[in-house]
Amino acid sequence: FENFPFARSKLVWNSSPTPAPIPGDLNHDNKVDIQDYNQLVTDFGKTGSPGFIPSDIDNNSKVDIFDYNILVSNFGR
C-alpha cells in the first residue's frame, strides 16, 4: 500500500437522504412559510435570467402570478 496512499482512505456513507426541494421554499429551510411569501412579494414583478432571481420559481425570467400560485399551493408544507 506504500505506492497507493489513497488505498487507506475510508468511504463514509451518509444514509440520510437529502429531502427533495419544495417548490416555493425560497430560503431553503425545508418549508414554505411566511418568510418565503414575503420574499416573493418583495421580488414580485422583477425580471432577469432564469435562475437569477430565487423567487422566479417556474424559471420564466420573471416573478409573476404563476410563481405566486406555486408558492401558495405549497404553503405550509
PDB file of N, CA and C in Angstrom:
ATOM      1  N   PHE A   1       0.802  -1.208   0.000  1.00  0.00           N
ATOM      2  CA  PHE A   1       0.000   0.000   0.000  1.00  0.00           C
ATOM      3  C   PHE A   1       0.842   1.268   0.000  1.00  0.00           C
ATOM      4  N   GLU A   2       2.165   1.121   0.089  1.00  0.00           N
ATOM      5  CA  GLU A   2       3.007   2.317   0.129  1.00  0.00           C
ATOM      6  C   GLU A   2       2.873   3.142  -1.147  1.00  0.00           C
ATOM      7  N   ASN A   3       2.703   2.469  -2.276  1.00  0.00           N
ATOM      8  CA  ASN A   3       2.607   3.172  -3.553  1.00  0.00           C
ATOM      9  C   ASN A   3       1.204   3.730  -3.825  1.00  0.00           C
ATOM     10  N   PHE A   4       0.259   3.367  -2.981  1.00  0.00           N
ATOM     11  CA  PHE A   4      -1.120   3.795  -3.171  1.00  0.00           C
ATOM     12  C   PHE A   4      -1.661   4.400  -1.877  1.00  0.00           C
ATOM     13  N   PRO A   5      -1.264   5.630  -1.567  1.00  0.00           N
ATOM     14  CA  PRO A   5      -1.692   6.230  -0.300  1.00  0.00           C
ATOM     15  C   PRO A   5      -3.213   6.365  -0.185  1.00  0.00           C
ATOM     16  N   PHE A   6      -3.889   6.473  -1.308  1.00  0.00           N
ATOM     17  CA  PHE A   6      -5.337   6.615  -1.254  1.00  0.00           C
ATOM     18  C   PHE A   6      -6.027   5.317  -0.842  1.00  0.00           C
ATOM     19  N   ALA A   7      -5.312   4.189  -0.902  1.00  0.00           N
ATOM     20  CA  ALA A   7      -5.906   2.897  -0.562  1.00  0.00           C
ATOM     21  C   ALA A   7      -6.281   2.814   0.913  1.00  0.00           C
ATOM     22  N   ARG A   8      -5.718   3.654   1.736  1.00  0.00           N
ATOM     23  CA  ARG A   8      -6.038   3.651   3.160  1.00  0.00           C
ATOM     24  C   ARG A   8      -7.222   4.562   3.485  1.00  0.00           C
ATOM     25  N   SER A   9      -7.740   5.209   2.487  1.00  0.00           N
ATOM     26  CA  SER A   9      -8.869   6.117   2.705  1.00  0.00           C
ATOM     27  C   SER A   9     -10.113   5.331   3.088  1.00  0.00           C
ATOM     28  N   LYS A  10     -11.000   6.018   3.773  1.00  0.00           N
ATOM     29  CA  LYS A  10     -12.265   5.404   4.153  1.00  0.00           C
ATOM     30  C   LYS A  10     -13.386   6.082   3.380  1.00  0.00           C
ATOM     31  N   LEU A  11     -14.346   5.295   3.019  1.00  0.00           N
ATOM     32  CA  LEU A  11     -15.539   5.817   2.377  1.00  0.00           C
ATOM     33  C   LEU A  11     -16.610   5.925   3.446  1.00  0.00           C
ATOM     34  N   VAL A  12     -17.154   7.112   3.606  1.00  0.00           N
ATOM     35  CA  VAL A  12     -18.205   7.328   4.597  1.00  0.00           C
ATOM     36  C   VAL A  12     -19.522   7.476   3.856  1.00  0.00           C
ATOM     37  N   TRP A  13     -20.486   6.672   4.230  1.00  0.00           N
ATOM     38  CA  TRP A  13     -21.789   6.689   3.585  1.00  0.00           C
ATOM     39  C   TRP A  13     -22.787   7.401   4.474  1.00  0.00           C
ATOM     40  N   ASN A  14     -23.444   8.396   3.939  1.00  0.00           N
ATOM     41  CA  ASN A  14     -24.481   9.110   4.666  1.00  0.00           C
ATOM     42  C   ASN A  14     -25.808   8.463   4.305  1.00  0.00           C
ATOM     43  N   SER A  15     -26.434   7.797   5.264  1.00  0.00           N
ATOM     44  CA  SER A  15     -27.667   7.072   4.974  1.00  0.00           C
ATOM     45  C   SER A  15     -28.910   7.954   5.028  1.00  0.00           C
ATOM     46  N   SER A  16     -28.756   9.212   5.385  1.00  0.00           N
ATOM     47  CA  SER A  16     -29.899  10.119   5.425  1.00  0.00           C
ATOM     48  C   SER A  16     -30.098  10.740   4.051  1.00  0.00           C
ATOM     49  N   PRO A  17     -31.244  10.472   3.433  1.00  0.00           N
ATOM     50  CA  PRO A  17     -31.467  11.067   2.112  1.00  0.00           C
ATOM     51  C   PRO A  17     -31.679  12.568   2.216  1.00  0.00           C
ATOM     52  N   THR A  18     -31.242  13.268   1.203  1.00  0.00           N
ATOM     53  CA  THR A  18     -31.471  14.707   1.138  1.00  0.00           C
ATOM     54  C   THR A  18     -32.915  14.922   0.718  1.00  0.00           C
ATOM     55  N   PRO A  19     -33.666  15.711   1.490  1.00  0.00           N
ATOM     56  CA  PRO A  19     -35.065  15.916   1.109  1.00  0.00           C
ATOM     57  C   PRO A  19     -35.175  16.647  -0.224  1.00  0.00           C
ATOM     58  N   ALA A  20     -36.181  16.261  -0.989  1.00  0.00           N
ATOM     59  CA  ALA A  20     -36.416  16.931  -2.268  1.00  0.00           C
ATOM     60  C   ALA A  20     -36.840  18.366  -1.997  1.00  0.00           C
ATOM     61  N   PRO A  21     -36.362  19.293  -2.799  1.00  0.00           N
ATOM     62  CA  PRO A  21     -36.761  20.691  -2.586  1.00  0.00           C
ATOM     63  C   PRO A  21     -38.264  20.864  -2.795  1.00  0.00           C
ATOM     64  N   ILE A  22     -38.844  21.737  -2.008  1.00  0.00           N
ATOM     65  CA  ILE A  22     -40.271  22.036  -2.120  1.00  0.00           C
ATOM     66  C   ILE A  22     -40.403  23.305  -2.960  1.00  0.00           C
ATOM     67  N   PRO A  23     -41.123  23.248  -4.077  1.00  0.00           N
ATOM     68  CA  PRO A  23     -41.308  24.467  -4.869  1.00  0.00           C
ATOM     69  C   PRO A  23     -41.929  25.570  -4.016  1.00  0.00           C
ATOM     70  N   GLY A  24     -41.270  26.704  -3.983  1.00  0.00           N
ATOM     71  CA  GLY A  24     -41.728  27.817  -3.163  1.00  0.00           C
ATOM     72  C   GLY A  24     -40.909  28.008  -1.906  1.00  0.00           C
ATOM     73  N   ASP A  25     -40.038  27.042  -1.585  1.00  0.00           N
ATOM     74  CA  ASP A  25     -39.156  27.183  -0.417  1.00  0.00           C
ATOM     75  C   ASP A  25     -37.966  28.037  -0.836  1.00  0.00           C
ATOM     76  N   LEU A  26     -38.168  29.333  -0.833  1.00  0.00           N
ATOM     77  CA  LEU A  26     -37.175  30.257  -1.380  1.00  0.00           C
ATOM     78  C   LEU A  26     -35.936  30.406  -0.511  1.00  0.00           C
ATOM     79  N   ASN A  27     -36.058  30.198   0.800  1.00  0.00           N
ATOM     80  CA  ASN A  27     -34.901  30.351   1.687  1.00  0.00           C
ATOM     81  C   ASN A  27     -34.303  29.004   2.092  1.00  0.00           C
ATOM     82  N   HIS A  28     -34.751  27.930   1.469  1.00  0.00           N
ATOM     83  CA  HIS A  28     -34.175  26.589   1.637  1.00  0.00           C
ATOM     84  C   HIS A  28     -34.162  26.112   3.089  1.00  0.00           C
ATOM     85  N   ASP A  29     -35.262  26.346   3.812  1.00  0.00           N
ATOM     86  CA  ASP A  29     -35.355  25.838   5.186  1.00  0.00           C
ATOM     87  C   ASP A  29     -36.300  24.635   5.270  1.00  0.00           C
ATOM     88  N   ASN A  30     -36.576  24.027   4.120  1.00  0.00           N
ATOM     89  CA  ASN A  30     -37.408  22.824   4.003  1.00  0.00           C
ATOM     90  C   ASN A  30     -38.859  23.037   4.410  1.00  0.00           C
ATOM     91  N   LYS A  31     -39.350  24.248   4.253  1.00  0.00           N
ATOM     92  CA  LYS A  31     -40.766  24.539   4.470  1.00  0.00           C
ATOM     93  C   LYS A  31     -41.125  25.792   3.684  1.00  0.00           C
ATOM     94  N   VAL A  32     -42.373  25.864   3.283  1.00  0.00           N
ATOM     95  CA  VAL A  32     -42.876  27.046   2.583  1.00  0.00           C
ATOM     96  C   VAL A  32     -43.738  27.800   3.588  1.00  0.00           C
ATOM     97  N   ASP A  33     -43.262  28.971   3.975  1.00  0.00           N
ATOM     98  CA  ASP A  33     -43.929  29.718   5.039  1.00  0.00           C
ATOM     99  C   ASP A  33     -43.947  31.213   4.729  1.00  0.00           C
ATOM    100  N   ILE A  34     -44.280  31.992   5.736  1.00  0.00           N
ATOM    101  CA  ILE A  34     -44.433  33.440   5.562  1.00  0.00           C
ATOM    102  C   ILE A  34     -43.135  34.109   5.115  1.00  0.00           C
ATOM    103  N   GLN A  35     -41.998  33.566   5.511  1.00  0.00           N
ATOM    104  CA  GLN A  35     -40.722  34.148   5.067  1.00  0.00           C
ATOM    105  C   GLN A  35     -40.574  34.020   3.556  1.00  0.00           C
ATOM    106  N   ASP A  36     -40.955  32.871   3.018  1.00  0.00           N
ATOM    107  CA  ASP A  36     -40.890  32.674   1.570  1.00  0.00           C
ATOM    108  C   ASP A  36     -41.900  33.581   0.866  1.00  0.00           C
ATOM    109  N   TYR A  37     -43.082  33.671   1.435  1.00  0.00           N
ATOM    110  CA  TYR A  37     -44.123  34.542   0.875  1.00  0.00           C
ATOM    111  C   TYR A  37     -43.641  35.991   0.821  1.00  0.00           C
ATOM    112  N   ASN A  38     -43.062  36.464   1.921  1.00  0.00           N
ATOM    113  CA  ASN A  38     -42.570  37.847   1.960  1.00  0.00           C
ATOM    114  C   ASN A  38     -41.479  38.086   0.923  1.00  0.00           C
ATOM    115  N   GLN A  39     -40.616  37.095   0.710  1.00  0.00           N
ATOM    116  CA  GLN A  39     -39.565  37.235  -0.301  1.00  0.00           C
ATOM    117  C   GLN A  39     -40.177  37.341  -1.692  1.00  0.00           C
ATOM    118  N   LEU A  40     -41.174  36.508  -1.970  1.00  0.00           N
ATOM    119  CA  LEU A  40     -41.811  36.562  -3.281  1.00  0.00           C
ATOM    120  C   LEU A  40     -42.507  37.901  -3.495  1.00  0.00           C
ATOM    121  N   VAL A  41     -43.191  38.395  -2.482  1.00  0.00           N
ATOM    122  CA  VAL A  41     -43.872  39.693  -2.597  1.00  0.00           C
ATOM    123  C   VAL A  41     -42.852  40.805  -2.844  1.00  0.00           C
ATOM    124  N   THR A  42     -41.714  40.744  -2.172  1.00  0.00           N
ATOM    125  CA  THR A  42     -40.650  41.737  -2.373  1.00  0.00           C
ATOM    126  C   THR A  42     -40.125  41.701  -3.805  1.00  0.00           C
ATOM    127  N   ASP A  43     -40.010  40.502  -4.364  1.00  0.00           N
ATOM    128  CA  ASP A  43     -39.447  40.339  -5.708  1.00  0.00           C
ATOM    129  C   ASP A  43     -40.495  40.410  -6.819  1.00  0.00           C
ATOM    130  N   PHE A  44     -41.768  40.474  -6.467  1.00  0.00           N
ATOM    131  CA  PHE A  44     -42.834  40.421  -7.469  1.00  0.00           C
ATOM    132  C   PHE A  44     -42.629  41.505  -8.536  1.00  0.00           C
ATOM    133  N   GLY A  45     -42.675  41.080  -9.790  1.00  0.00           N
ATOM    134  CA  GLY A  45     -42.502  41.997 -10.911  1.00  0.00           C
ATOM    135  C   GLY A  45     -41.078  42.087 -11.422  1.00  0.00           C
ATOM    136  N   LYS A  46     -40.112  41.567 -10.667  1.00  0.00           N
ATOM    137  CA  LYS A  46     -38.718  41.610 -11.126  1.00  0.00           C
ATOM    138  C   LYS A  46     -38.524  40.653 -12.292  1.00  0.00           C
ATOM    139  N   THR A  47     -37.573  40.999 -13.153  1.00  0.00           N
ATOM    140  CA  THR A  47     -37.221  40.145 -14.281  1.00  0.00           C
ATOM    141  C   THR A  47     -35.722  39.906 -14.273  1.00  0.00           C
ATOM    142  N   GLY A  48     -35.314  38.835 -14.909  1.00  0.00           N
ATOM    143  CA  GLY A  48     -33.896  38.502 -15.002  1.00  0.00           C
ATOM    144  C   GLY A  48     -33.725  37.152 -15.662  1.00  0.00           C
ATOM    145  N   SER A  49     -32.501  36.771 -15.875  1.00  0.00           N
ATOM    146  CA  SER A  49     -32.204  35.481 -16.489  1.00  0.00           C
ATOM    147  C   SER A  49     -32.768  34.352 -15.635  1.00  0.00           C
ATOM    148  N   PRO A  50     -33.202  33.245 -16.270  1.00  0.00           N
ATOM    149  CA  PRO A  50     -33.695  32.106 -15.496  1.00  0.00           C
ATOM    150  C   PRO A  50     -32.662  31.667 -14.458  1.00  0.00           C
ATOM    151  N   GLY A  51     -33.114  31.460 -13.233  1.00  0.00           N
ATOM    152  CA  GLY A  51     -32.231  31.060 -12.147  1.00  0.00           C
ATOM    153  C   GLY A  51     -31.577  32.215 -11.426  1.00  0.00           C
ATOM    154  N   PHE A  52     -31.719  33.432 -11.939  1.00  0.00           N
ATOM    155  CA  PHE A  52     -31.077  34.599 -11.335  1.00  0.00           C
ATOM    156  C   PHE A  52     -31.835  35.093 -10.113  1.00  0.00           C
ATOM    157  N   ILE A  53     -33.159  35.072 -10.168  1.00  0.00           N
ATOM    158  CA  ILE A  53     -33.994  35.528  -9.053  1.00  0.00           C
ATOM    159  C   ILE A  53     -34.608  34.290  -8.397  1.00  0.00           C
ATOM    160  N   PRO A  54     -34.257  33.988  -7.152  1.00  0.00           N
ATOM    161  CA  PRO A  54     -34.799  32.792  -6.493  1.00  0.00           C
ATOM    162  C   PRO A  54     -36.329  32.755  -6.460  1.00  0.00           C
ATOM    163  N   SER A  55     -36.980  33.900  -6.437  1.00  0.00           N
ATOM    164  CA  SER A  55     -38.444  33.935  -6.393  1.00  0.00           C
ATOM    165  C   SER A  55     -39.087  33.569  -7.729  1.00  0.00           C
ATOM    166  N   ASP A  56     -38.295  33.463  -8.784  1.00  0.00           N
ATOM    167  CA  ASP A  56     -38.801  33.029 -10.088  1.00  0.00           C
ATOM    168  C   ASP A  56     -38.863  31.503 -10.070  1.00  0.00           C
ATOM    169  N   ILE A  57     -39.857  30.974  -9.408  1.00  0.00           N
ATOM    170  CA  ILE A  57     -39.957  29.537  -9.149  1.00  0.00           C
ATOM    171  C   ILE A  57     -40.081  28.734 -10.433  1.00  0.00           C
ATOM    172  N   ASP A  58     -40.808  29.245 -11.421  1.00  0.00           N
ATOM    173  CA  ASP A  58     -41.007  28.499 -12.663  1.00  0.00           C
ATOM    174  C   ASP A  58     -39.960  28.817 -13.735  1.00  0.00           C
ATOM    175  N   ASN A  59     -38.974  29.609 -13.389  1.00  0.00           N
ATOM    176  CA  ASN A  59     -37.848  29.935 -14.283  1.00  0.00           C
ATOM    177  C   ASN A  59     -38.286  30.489 -15.641  1.00  0.00           C
ATOM    178  N   ASN A  60     -39.276  31.391 -15.623  1.00  0.00           N
ATOM    179  CA  ASN A  60     -39.690  32.021 -16.882  1.00  0.00           C
ATOM    180  C   ASN A  60     -39.154  33.448 -17.001  1.00  0.00           C
ATOM    181  N   SER A  61     -38.139  33.763 -16.209  1.00  0.00           N
ATOM    182  CA  SER A  61     -37.427  35.045 -16.245  1.00  0.00           C
ATOM    183  C   SER A  61     -38.177  36.209 -15.617  1.00  0.00           C
ATOM    184  N   LYS A  62     -39.265  35.925 -14.905  1.00  0.00           N
ATOM    185  CA  LYS A  62     -39.980  36.992 -14.211  1.00  0.00           C
ATOM    186  C   LYS A  62     -40.709  36.412 -12.997  1.00  0.00           C
ATOM    187  N   VAL A  63     -40.835  37.231 -11.975  1.00  0.00           N
ATOM    188  CA  VAL A  63     -41.581  36.841 -10.780  1.00  0.00           C
ATOM    189  C   VAL A  63     -43.000  37.348 -10.985  1.00  0.00           C
ATOM    190  N   ASP A  64     -43.917  36.399 -11.148  1.00  0.00           N
ATOM    191  CA  ASP A  64     -45.274  36.770 -11.526  1.00  0.00           C
ATOM    192  C   ASP A  64     -46.308  35.908 -10.808  1.00  0.00           C
ATOM    193  N   ILE A  65     -47.537  35.993 -11.279  1.00  0.00           N
ATOM    194  CA  ILE A  65     -48.649  35.284 -10.653  1.00  0.00           C
ATOM    195  C   ILE A  65     -48.454  33.770 -10.685  1.00  0.00           C
ATOM    196  N   PHE A  66     -47.744  33.268 -11.681  1.00  0.00           N
ATOM    197  CA  PHE A  66     -47.500  31.828 -11.758  1.00  0.00           C
ATOM    198  C   PHE A  66     -46.597  31.367 -10.608  1.00  0.00           C
ATOM    199  N   ASP A  67     -45.601  32.169 -10.282  1.00  0.00           N
ATOM    200  CA  ASP A  67     -44.737  31.863  -9.137  1.00  0.00           C
ATOM    201  C   ASP A  67     -45.528  31.944  -7.839  1.00  0.00           C
ATOM    202  N   TYR A  68     -46.366  32.966  -7.748  1.00  0.00           N
ATOM    203  CA  TYR A  68     -47.226  33.134  -6.573  1.00  0.00           C
ATOM    204  C   TYR A  68     -48.108  31.901  -6.381  1.00  0.00           C
ATOM    205  N   ASN A  69     -48.715  31.427  -7.463  1.00  0.00           N
ATOM    206  CA  ASN A  69     -49.593  30.259  -7.374  1.00  0.00           C
ATOM    207  C   ASN A  69     -48.841  29.014  -6.923  1.00  0.00           C
ATOM    208  N   ILE A  70     -47.620  28.833  -7.393  1.00  0.00           N
ATOM    209  CA  ILE A  70     -46.807  27.688  -6.974  1.00  0.00           C
ATOM    210  C   ILE A  70     -46.516  27.775  -5.487  1.00  0.00           C
ATOM    211  N   LEU A  71     -46.101  28.953  -5.041  1.00  0.00           N
ATOM    212  CA  LEU A  71     -45.789  29.126  -3.620  1.00  0.00           C
ATOM    213  C   LEU A  71     -47.028  28.886  -2.760  1.00  0.00           C
ATOM    214  N   VAL A  72     -48.140  29.488  -3.123  1.00  0.00           N
ATOM    215  CA  VAL A  72     -49.360  29.354  -2.319  1.00  0.00           C
ATOM    216  C   VAL A  72     -49.844  27.902  -2.294  1.00  0.00           C
ATOM    217  N   SER A  73     -49.691  27.184  -3.398  1.00  0.00           N
ATOM    218  CA  SER A  73     -50.147  25.789  -3.428  1.00  0.00           C
ATOM    219  C   SER A  73     -49.297  24.889  -2.532  1.00  0.00           C
ATOM    220  N   ASN A  74     -48.089  25.326  -2.189  1.00  0.00           N
ATOM    221  CA  ASN A  74     -47.220  24.547  -1.298  1.00  0.00           C
ATOM    222  C   ASN A  74     -47.092  25.157   0.091  1.00  0.00           C
ATOM    223  N   PHE A  75     -47.807  26.231   0.350  1.00  0.00           N
ATOM    224  CA  PHE A  75     -47.705  26.918   1.636  1.00  0.00           C
ATOM    225  C   PHE A  75     -48.084  25.964   2.772  1.00  0.00           C
ATOM    226  N   GLY A  76     -47.244  25.937   3.788  1.00  0.00           N
ATOM    227  CA  GLY A  76     -47.481  25.070   4.940  1.00  0.00           C
ATOM    228  C   GLY A  76     -46.841  23.704   4.832  1.00  0.00           C
ATOM    229  N   ARG A  77     -46.224  23.400   3.721  1.00  0.00           N
ATOM    230  CA  ARG A  77     -45.532  22.111   3.561  1.00  0.00           C
ATOM    231  C   ARG A  77     -44.143  22.196   4.125  1.00  0.00           C
TER     232      ARG A  77
END
